[in-house]
Amino acid sequence: MFERYENSPIYPIKNTKGNGNRIYVKREDLLPFSLGGNKVRIAREFFRDMEEKNCDTMVVYGNTRSNLCRVIANQCYIQNIPCYMISSREEHEKEREETGNSRLMELLGAKIIPCTKAEIASAVEETMKSIEKTGRKPYYIYGNKWGTGNEATATAAYVKAYREIQDFEEEHALSFDYIFHASGTGATQSGLICGHILAGDSTKIIGISVSSREYERGVSVIRTGVESYLKGRKISRNFDTDQEIFLECKYNKGGYGIYDEEILDCIRRQFRKNSLPLDPVYTGKAFLGMEKYLEEQKITGKNILFLHTGGTPLFYDCLYAGKLKQEGI
């Protein structure tokens, strides 16, 4: 299946805010498959599950900016698996926008099925039925047409990644007080929370929402991922799951794909000071949200880990569109 890859590196970076916190970054964007990112780990779990269920055709949903869709299309091409992608535009978009990720999906031969947000469930259902009529057995990564039922599969990816973080802590004799990351589908956060629960440590996992999903809905998705994983492995729980979920929605700038000059300034600053390529859709928004959270909560002198979840093509979209030319901080 996927190429073998080593653990993604963790290392300290310069804290440009001077609040006394020690900032580290885990570079998931450097995982050596399909331009890296957290979706490499998550896609790997989906393909494993697909094989176990004896399915032979992949169906995935995502926006044109989706890193997951890019990675899945790449693996489908390698394995000669038919790949269908339900692709909706955001409510603020008048038409489907082309991105580096969407161009790569086309290069990799994925069949793109455009739709609106309201049409996603029907598009999934129609696509699945159409594939079944040909005698093939489709696999939809999110479970049923409403996108539920397969949460534990994706969650497993970041339970495993959490063990890598623990290994780093042990090797360097430190403990992370906080882990920040971009939270979209909720799978990465669910996995990190499960890893934290199983470890029994005191690390606080904070997801910075990058979408327009309301807080209650976002928490519900993460809760389902956590509980599905623990239940599936018959791990008893004697705690309130919601007490482990920290989702910050006030830094989302209005929703998925929406960004402003403040995020672009953050991207400029981090690339200049730390050679860290962030993007305005996911990681740039999350990094800025982390900085604001630390400032607003008056957190100082702590060990902070930022999980760089990837999005390299989106960094270059931003660069080539001239968005980073203007002088920043």
Protein backbone atom coordinates (compact mmCIF):
# COMPACT_ATOMS: atom_id res chain seq x y z
CA MET A 1 0.00 0.00 0.00
CA PHE A 2 1.52 3.30 1.08
CA GLU A 3 5.25 3.83 1.05
CA ARG A 4 6.91 3.20 4.34
CA TYR A 5 7.66 6.40 6.17
CA GLU A 6 9.47 7.35 9.33
CA ASN A 7 7.90 9.36 12.10
CA SER A 8 7.51 13.01 11.16
CA PRO A 9 10.10 15.22 12.89
CA ILE A 10 9.42 17.29 15.99
CA TYR A 11 11.68 20.24 16.74
CA PRO A 12 11.61 23.62 18.48
CA ILE A 13 10.98 26.83 16.55
CA LYS A 14 11.48 30.48 17.38
CA ASN A 15 8.59 31.93 19.37
CA THR A 16 7.98 35.22 17.58
CA LYS A 17 5.52 36.41 20.22
CA GLY A 18 7.98 36.44 23.12
CA ASN A 19 5.56 35.12 25.74
CA GLY A 20 8.01 32.69 27.29
CA ASN A 21 6.41 29.57 25.86
CA ARG A 22 8.61 26.94 24.23
CA ILE A 23 7.08 26.20 20.83
CA TYR A 24 7.69 22.93 19.02
CA VAL A 25 6.27 21.77 15.69
CA LYS A 26 5.51 18.26 14.44
CA ARG A 27 5.97 18.38 10.67
CA GLU A 28 3.30 16.07 9.30
CA ASP A 29 3.70 17.95 6.03
CA LEU A 30 7.05 16.17 5.64
CA LEU A 31 5.59 12.65 5.56
CA PRO A 32 6.99 11.31 2.27
CA PHE A 33 3.84 10.45 0.37
CA SER A 34 1.79 12.70 -1.92
CA LEU A 35 3.17 15.96 -0.44
CA GLY A 36 2.54 14.76 3.10
CA GLY A 37 0.11 15.95 5.74
CA ASN A 38 -2.15 14.42 8.37
CA LYS A 39 -4.33 12.98 5.61
CA VAL A 40 -1.56 10.54 4.69
CA ARG A 41 -2.08 8.79 8.01
CA ILE A 42 -5.86 9.03 7.82
CA ALA A 43 -6.05 7.81 4.22
CA ARG A 44 -3.86 4.86 5.14
CA GLU A 45 -6.46 3.76 7.69
CA PHE A 46 -9.28 4.15 5.16
CA PHE A 47 -7.49 1.97 2.60
CA ARG A 48 -6.82 -0.67 5.24
CA ASP A 49 -10.50 -0.66 6.19
CA MET A 50 -11.55 -0.74 2.54
CA GLU A 51 -9.42 -3.83 1.96
CA GLU A 52 -10.83 -5.56 5.04
CA LYS A 53 -14.36 -4.94 3.74
CA ASN A 54 -13.45 -6.34 0.31
CA CYS A 55 -14.46 -3.16 -1.52
CA ASP A 56 -12.91 -2.30 -4.88
CA THR A 57 -13.97 1.29 -5.65
CA MET A 58 -13.25 4.41 -3.61
CA VAL A 59 -15.79 7.19 -3.01
CA VAL A 60 -14.66 10.29 -1.13
CA TYR A 61 -16.15 13.68 -0.36
CA GLY A 62 -14.21 16.93 -0.13
CA ASN A 63 -13.81 20.50 -1.31
CA THR A 64 -11.36 21.42 -4.09
CA ARG A 65 -8.90 22.39 -1.34
CA SER A 66 -9.09 18.98 0.33
CA ASN A 67 -5.75 17.44 1.23
CA LEU A 68 -7.47 14.12 1.92
CA CYS A 69 -8.90 13.95 -1.59
CA ARG A 70 -5.45 14.58 -3.08
CA VAL A 71 -3.83 11.81 -1.03
CA ILE A 72 -6.62 9.31 -1.71
CA ALA A 73 -6.56 10.05 -5.45
CA ASN A 74 -2.81 9.44 -5.46
CA GLN A 75 -3.09 6.06 -3.73
CA CYS A 76 -6.01 5.02 -5.94
CA TYR A 77 -3.92 5.75 -9.02
CA ILE A 78 -1.03 3.68 -7.66
CA GLN A 79 -3.31 0.73 -6.86
CA ASN A 80 -5.43 1.10 -10.01
CA ILE A 81 -8.58 1.63 -7.93
CA PRO A 82 -11.44 3.63 -9.50
CA CYS A 83 -11.83 6.86 -7.54
CA TYR A 84 -14.97 9.03 -7.38
CA MET A 85 -14.88 12.40 -5.64
CA ILE A 86 -18.00 14.24 -4.54
CA SER A 87 -16.89 17.87 -4.58
CA SER A 88 -19.04 20.71 -3.27
CA ARG A 89 -18.35 24.43 -3.23
CA GLU A 90 -18.61 26.49 -0.09
CA GLU A 91 -21.62 28.69 0.51
CA HIS A 92 -19.60 31.86 -0.05
CA GLU A 93 -18.33 30.61 -3.43
CA LYS A 94 -20.30 31.36 -6.58
CA GLU A 95 -18.50 28.64 -8.52
CA ARG A 96 -16.12 25.75 -7.92
CA GLU A 97 -12.62 27.10 -7.40
CA GLU A 98 -9.56 25.42 -8.86
CA THR A 99 -6.61 24.82 -6.51
CA GLY A 100 -3.31 22.97 -6.58
CA ASN A 101 -5.06 20.08 -4.84
CA SER A 102 -7.94 19.93 -7.33
CA ARG A 103 -5.51 20.02 -10.27
CA LEU A 104 -3.59 17.13 -8.74
CA MET A 105 -6.83 15.16 -8.30
CA GLU A 106 -7.52 15.58 -12.01
CA LEU A 107 -3.94 14.64 -12.89
CA LEU A 108 -4.43 11.45 -10.89
CA GLY A 109 -7.55 10.49 -12.81
CA ALA A 110 -10.18 10.94 -10.11
CA LYS A 111 -13.71 11.31 -11.41
CA ILE A 112 -14.97 14.61 -10.01
CA ILE A 113 -18.69 14.91 -9.25
CA PRO A 114 -19.52 18.56 -8.49
CA CYS A 115 -22.48 19.45 -6.29
CA THR A 116 -23.74 22.01 -3.79
CA LYS A 117 -23.60 21.55 -0.03
CA ALA A 118 -27.29 20.63 0.00
CA GLU A 119 -26.74 17.94 -2.63
CA ILE A 120 -23.90 16.03 -0.93
CA ALA A 121 -26.00 13.18 0.54
CA SER A 122 -27.93 12.61 -2.70
CA ALA A 123 -24.72 12.77 -4.75
CA VAL A 124 -23.11 10.15 -2.53
CA GLU A 125 -26.18 7.90 -2.72
CA GLU A 126 -26.49 8.19 -6.50
CA THR A 127 -22.78 7.57 -7.02
CA MET A 128 -22.80 4.47 -4.79
CA LYS A 129 -25.84 3.03 -6.58
CA SER A 130 -24.34 3.74 -9.99
CA ILE A 131 -21.13 1.93 -9.06
CA GLU A 132 -23.02 -1.04 -7.60
CA LYS A 133 -24.95 -1.45 -10.85
CA THR A 134 -21.64 -2.14 -12.61
CA GLY A 135 -20.99 -5.06 -10.26
CA ARG A 136 -18.33 -3.27 -8.24
CA LYS A 137 -18.34 -2.77 -4.48
CA PRO A 138 -17.90 0.90 -3.50
CA TYR A 139 -16.38 2.12 -0.25
CA TYR A 140 -17.44 5.53 1.06
CA ILE A 141 -14.87 6.77 3.55
CA TYR A 142 -17.38 8.41 5.88
CA GLY A 143 -19.83 5.51 6.22
CA ASN A 144 -23.39 6.28 5.11
CA LYS A 145 -24.59 9.02 2.76
CA TRP A 146 -24.92 11.41 5.70
CA GLY A 147 -21.24 11.03 6.50
CA THR A 148 -21.57 8.98 9.67
CA GLY A 149 -20.73 5.45 10.76
CA ASN A 150 -17.01 5.18 10.05
CA GLU A 151 -15.54 7.63 12.54
CA ALA A 152 -13.33 5.16 14.42
CA THR A 153 -11.31 4.29 11.31
CA ALA A 154 -9.92 7.79 10.84
CA THR A 155 -9.54 8.29 14.59
CA ALA A 156 -7.13 5.36 14.78
CA ALA A 157 -4.55 7.24 12.69
CA TYR A 158 -3.85 9.83 15.36
CA VAL A 159 -3.98 7.43 18.27
CA LYS A 160 -0.88 5.96 16.62
CA ALA A 161 0.62 9.39 15.97
CA TYR A 162 0.14 10.29 19.64
CA ARG A 163 2.47 7.46 20.55
CA GLU A 164 5.16 9.12 18.42
CA ILE A 165 4.67 12.31 20.42
CA GLN A 166 5.02 10.31 23.64
CA ASP A 167 8.26 8.76 22.36
CA PHE A 168 9.65 12.25 21.68
CA GLU A 169 8.66 13.42 25.15
CA GLU A 170 10.38 10.43 26.74
CA GLU A 171 13.51 10.80 24.64
CA HIS A 172 13.84 14.52 25.42
CA ALA A 173 12.63 14.38 29.03
CA LEU A 174 9.81 16.86 28.57
CA SER A 175 6.03 16.91 28.53
CA PHE A 176 3.83 18.98 26.25
CA ASP A 177 1.32 21.05 28.16
CA TYR A 178 -0.71 21.85 25.04
CA ILE A 179 -1.05 20.43 21.54
CA PHE A 180 -2.66 22.73 18.93
CA HIS A 181 -3.79 21.80 15.44
CA ALA A 182 -6.22 22.71 12.67
CA SER A 183 -9.57 21.00 13.29
CA GLY A 184 -11.80 20.36 10.28
CA THR A 185 -13.40 16.92 9.97
CA GLY A 186 -12.53 16.22 13.61
CA ALA A 187 -10.67 12.96 12.95
CA THR A 188 -7.24 14.24 13.94
CA GLN A 189 -8.55 15.75 17.15
CA SER A 190 -10.51 12.59 18.03
CA GLY A 191 -7.38 10.50 17.58
CA LEU A 192 -5.18 12.82 19.63
CA ILE A 193 -7.75 12.86 22.43
CA CYS A 194 -7.93 9.06 22.45
CA GLY A 195 -4.15 8.88 22.53
CA HIS A 196 -4.11 11.31 25.44
CA ILE A 197 -6.79 9.30 27.30
CA LEU A 198 -4.94 6.03 26.81
CA ALA A 199 -1.69 7.66 27.96
CA GLY A 200 -3.35 9.09 31.04
CA ASP A 201 -1.33 12.30 30.76
CA SER A 202 -2.33 15.91 31.42
CA THR A 203 -1.77 17.32 27.92
CA LYS A 204 -4.54 19.58 26.69
CA ILE A 205 -5.51 18.99 23.04
CA ILE A 206 -6.86 22.16 21.45
CA GLY A 207 -8.38 22.13 17.99
CA ILE A 208 -8.59 25.44 16.14
CA SER A 209 -11.66 25.19 13.94
CA VAL A 210 -11.02 26.08 10.31
CA SER A 211 -14.63 25.64 9.18
CA SER A 212 -17.99 27.34 9.64
CA ARG A 213 -19.29 24.33 11.57
CA GLU A 214 -21.02 25.50 14.74
CA TYR A 215 -19.42 24.65 18.07
CA GLU A 216 -22.07 22.14 19.18
CA ARG A 217 -21.88 20.27 15.88
CA GLY A 218 -18.08 20.29 15.93
CA VAL A 219 -17.96 18.88 19.45
CA SER A 220 -20.55 16.26 18.54
CA VAL A 221 -18.42 15.00 15.63
CA ILE A 222 -15.30 14.80 17.79
CA ARG A 223 -17.22 13.10 20.61
CA THR A 224 -18.53 10.47 18.20
CA GLY A 225 -15.02 9.78 16.93
CA VAL A 226 -13.64 9.35 20.44
CA GLU A 227 -16.48 7.17 21.71
CA SER A 228 -16.60 5.03 18.56
CA TYR A 229 -12.89 4.28 18.79
CA LEU A 230 -12.95 3.43 22.51
CA LYS A 231 -16.12 1.34 22.20
CA GLY A 232 -14.77 -0.56 19.20
CA ARG A 233 -11.72 -1.57 21.22
CA LYS A 234 -13.78 -2.29 24.34
CA ILE A 235 -11.95 0.33 26.35
CA SER A 236 -13.98 1.24 29.42
CA ARG A 237 -14.56 4.92 30.19
CA ASN A 238 -15.14 6.45 33.58
CA PHE A 239 -15.00 10.07 32.51
CA ASP A 240 -17.05 12.68 30.67
CA THR A 241 -15.81 12.74 27.07
CA ASP A 242 -16.81 16.37 26.61
CA GLN A 243 -14.42 17.37 29.40
CA GLU A 244 -11.57 16.27 27.10
CA ILE A 245 -12.75 18.22 24.04
CA PHE A 246 -11.37 21.72 23.53
CA LEU A 247 -12.52 23.23 20.24
CA GLU A 248 -11.96 26.92 19.53
CA CYS A 249 -14.30 28.29 16.87
CA LYS A 250 -13.74 32.03 17.25
CA TYR A 251 -10.59 32.08 15.13
CA ASN A 252 -12.14 30.61 11.97
CA LYS A 253 -12.44 34.01 10.21
CA GLY A 254 -15.95 33.16 9.05
CA GLY A 255 -15.54 29.66 7.70
CA TYR A 256 -13.70 27.20 5.50
CA GLY A 257 -11.43 28.81 2.91
CA ILE A 258 -12.02 32.32 4.25
CA TYR A 259 -8.95 34.21 5.40
CA ASP A 260 -7.68 37.75 5.84
CA GLU A 261 -4.53 39.84 5.98
CA GLU A 262 -3.88 38.82 9.58
CA ILE A 263 -3.53 35.18 8.53
CA LEU A 264 -1.31 36.14 5.59
CA ASP A 265 0.91 38.12 7.97
CA CYS A 266 1.21 35.03 10.16
CA ILE A 267 2.19 32.92 7.14
CA ARG A 268 4.84 35.46 6.08
CA ARG A 269 6.24 35.71 9.59
CA GLN A 270 6.51 31.97 10.15
CA PHE A 271 8.14 31.30 6.81
CA ARG A 272 10.65 34.11 7.31
CA LYS A 273 11.50 33.29 10.92
CA ASN A 274 11.09 29.51 11.00
CA SER A 275 11.05 28.33 7.35
CA LEU A 276 7.59 26.99 8.14
CA PRO A 277 5.22 26.82 5.14
CA LEU A 278 1.67 27.45 6.34
CA ASP A 279 -1.47 27.86 4.25
CA PRO A 280 -4.47 30.18 4.69
CA VAL A 281 -7.08 27.39 4.74
CA TYR A 282 -5.75 25.11 7.47
CA THR A 283 -2.38 25.59 9.15
CA GLY A 284 -2.04 29.37 8.89
CA LYS A 285 -5.45 29.83 10.44
CA ALA A 286 -4.62 27.30 13.16
CA PHE A 287 -1.21 28.79 13.97
CA LEU A 288 -2.65 32.27 14.30
CA GLY A 289 -5.48 30.87 16.43
CA MET A 290 -2.89 29.21 18.68
CA GLU A 291 -1.03 32.48 19.11
CA LYS A 292 -4.21 34.34 19.97
CA TYR A 293 -5.34 31.64 22.40
CA LEU A 294 -2.02 31.70 24.27
CA GLU A 295 -2.16 35.49 24.46
CA GLU A 296 -5.81 35.71 25.54
CA GLN A 297 -5.42 32.96 28.13
CA LYS A 298 -2.18 34.55 29.39
CA ILE A 299 -0.34 31.25 29.04
CA THR A 300 3.42 31.56 29.57
CA GLY A 301 6.39 29.31 30.21
CA LYS A 302 4.74 26.17 28.81
CA ASN A 303 5.79 23.48 26.34
CA ILE A 304 3.59 23.90 23.28
CA LEU A 305 3.37 21.53 20.32
CA PHE A 306 1.88 22.73 17.04
CA LEU A 307 0.86 19.84 14.79
CA HIS A 308 1.52 20.98 11.23
CA THR A 309 -1.20 19.04 9.42
CA GLY A 310 0.05 19.78 5.90
CA GLY A 311 -1.36 21.54 2.87
CA THR A 312 1.77 22.21 0.81
CA PRO A 313 -0.12 22.78 -2.48
CA LEU A 314 -2.25 25.41 -0.73
CA PHE A 315 0.85 27.26 0.45
CA TYR A 316 1.97 27.49 -3.17
CA ASP A 317 -1.52 28.54 -4.30
CA CYS A 318 -1.18 31.45 -1.90
CA LEU A 319 2.37 32.25 -3.01
CA TYR A 320 1.70 32.10 -6.75
CA ALA A 321 -1.44 34.20 -6.41
CA GLY A 322 0.76 36.98 -5.06
CA LYS A 323 -0.88 36.92 -1.63
CA LEU A 324 2.45 36.93 0.21
CA LYS A 325 4.06 39.85 -1.67
CA GLN A 326 2.76 42.54 0.63
CA GLU A 327 5.05 43.36 3.52
CA GLY A 328 4.01 41.62 6.70
CA ILE A 329 5.22 41.71 10.26
